[in-house]
Amino acid sequence: MHPTKGHHLVRLAHPLLTAALATLIAATAVALVPPGNAWAGKDGALWINGQRHHNPSGCYTVMGPLSAINRTKTAAVLYKGGRCNRRVLGALGPDQRNEWRLVGSIYID
């Protein structure tokens, strides 16, 4: 029996047509996203040293050891300075938890 017998070969569309269609679908998806912070990290909670911050936003001063749990949709950035300034020490991604010995502040948008 021939390997292609009974099977129909599918002919793929021209690569430029495929790229144009993908661009159109992506543009439509972006246009349908509601404005504002509906998709931002403000939905959820951020625990900083045992204290829960509901719908967190902005800079939180720590100035010492940090135990954090991020239950938002965006990463939180850790800074050496107390006003979310100076050197970036790292980040805590969505649905992650971690501990650090010395942190100045943590920022989430």
Protein backbone atom coordinates (compact mmCIF):
# COMPACT_ATOMS: atom_id res chain seq x y z
CA MET A 1 0.00 0.00 0.00
CA HIS A 2 1.28 3.42 -0.91
CA PRO A 3 1.97 5.64 2.17
CA THR A 4 -0.16 8.52 0.86
CA LYS A 5 -3.03 6.42 -0.42
CA GLY A 6 -6.25 7.41 1.26
CA HIS A 7 -4.68 10.58 2.68
CA HIS A 8 -5.03 14.03 1.25
CA LEU A 9 -2.05 16.31 1.32
CA VAL A 10 -2.75 19.76 2.78
CA ARG A 11 -1.25 22.63 0.91
CA LEU A 12 -0.04 25.41 3.20
CA ALA A 13 -0.88 29.03 2.45
CA HIS A 14 1.76 31.41 1.18
CA PRO A 15 4.05 32.57 4.09
CA LEU A 16 3.17 36.24 3.53
CA LEU A 17 -0.55 35.48 3.71
CA THR A 18 0.00 33.50 6.92
CA ALA A 19 2.00 36.37 8.48
CA ALA A 20 -0.66 38.92 7.49
CA LEU A 21 -3.40 36.79 9.02
CA ALA A 22 -1.40 36.38 12.25
CA THR A 23 -0.86 40.15 12.44
CA LEU A 24 -4.59 40.79 11.93
CA ILE A 25 -5.52 38.34 14.69
CA ALA A 26 -2.99 39.89 17.11
CA ALA A 27 -4.20 43.44 16.35
CA THR A 28 -7.81 42.39 16.94
CA ALA A 29 -6.90 40.80 20.28
CA VAL A 30 -5.11 43.97 21.42
CA ALA A 31 -8.07 46.13 20.38
CA LEU A 32 -10.45 44.01 22.45
CA VAL A 33 -8.44 44.32 25.70
CA PRO A 34 -10.17 46.77 28.05
CA PRO A 35 -8.28 50.00 28.85
CA GLY A 36 -6.78 50.72 32.23
CA ASN A 37 -5.29 48.31 34.70
CA ALA A 38 -7.67 45.42 34.16
CA TRP A 39 -4.74 43.19 33.25
CA ALA A 40 -2.17 44.72 35.62
CA GLY A 41 -0.75 43.21 38.78
CA LYS A 42 -3.13 45.10 41.01
CA ASP A 43 -5.48 42.12 41.00
CA GLY A 44 -4.51 39.84 43.84
CA ALA A 45 -2.36 40.22 46.91
CA LEU A 46 1.25 40.71 47.93
CA TRP A 47 2.40 39.48 51.35
CA ILE A 48 5.35 41.40 52.77
CA ASN A 49 6.75 39.94 56.00
CA GLY A 50 3.38 38.40 56.85
CA GLN A 51 1.31 41.51 56.09
CA ARG A 52 -1.20 41.16 53.24
CA HIS A 53 -1.56 44.01 50.74
CA HIS A 54 -4.78 43.59 48.72
CA ASN A 55 -4.52 44.86 45.10
CA PRO A 56 -0.96 46.15 45.70
CA SER A 57 0.45 49.13 43.84
CA GLY A 58 3.56 51.24 44.30
CA CYS A 59 6.57 51.13 46.60
CA TYR A 60 6.67 49.38 49.98
CA THR A 61 9.59 50.11 52.33
CA VAL A 62 11.16 47.07 54.01
CA MET A 63 14.68 48.03 55.24
CA GLY A 64 15.67 44.60 56.48
CA PRO A 65 14.92 40.93 55.92
CA LEU A 66 12.07 40.17 53.53
CA SER A 67 9.72 37.22 53.28
CA ALA A 68 7.34 37.79 50.36
CA ILE A 69 4.56 35.95 48.55
CA ASN A 70 3.34 37.37 45.24
CA ARG A 71 -0.21 36.36 44.31
CA THR A 72 -0.64 38.90 41.51
CA LYS A 73 -0.29 38.74 37.73
CA THR A 74 2.92 40.76 37.57
CA ALA A 75 6.43 40.66 39.01
CA ALA A 76 7.48 42.67 42.05
CA VAL A 77 10.94 44.32 41.90
CA LEU A 78 13.24 44.45 44.93
CA TYR A 79 15.53 47.44 45.52
CA LYS A 80 18.46 48.14 47.81
CA GLY A 81 17.17 51.66 48.60
CA GLY A 82 14.19 52.36 50.84
CA ARG A 83 12.29 54.38 48.21
CA CYS A 84 12.42 51.85 45.36
CA ASN A 85 15.69 53.37 44.25
CA ARG A 86 19.36 52.46 44.04
CA ARG A 87 20.35 49.01 42.84
CA VAL A 88 17.81 46.37 41.75
CA LEU A 89 18.32 43.26 43.85
CA GLY A 90 15.97 40.95 42.03
CA ALA A 91 12.34 40.20 41.27
CA LEU A 92 9.55 38.04 42.61
CA GLY A 93 7.41 36.67 39.80
CA PRO A 94 3.68 35.99 39.83
CA ASP A 95 2.65 33.16 42.16
CA GLN A 96 6.12 32.93 43.70
CA ARG A 97 7.45 33.18 47.25
CA ASN A 98 10.96 33.80 48.50
CA GLU A 99 13.06 35.21 51.34
CA TRP A 100 15.98 37.67 51.32
CA ARG A 101 18.39 38.72 54.06
CA LEU A 102 18.42 42.45 53.33
CA VAL A 103 16.06 44.47 51.12
CA GLY A 104 15.34 48.21 51.13
CA SER A 105 12.01 48.20 49.33
CA ILE A 106 9.74 46.33 46.95
CA TYR A 107 7.78 47.80 44.01
CA ILE A 108 4.78 46.42 42.15
CA ASP A 109 2.68 48.08 39.44
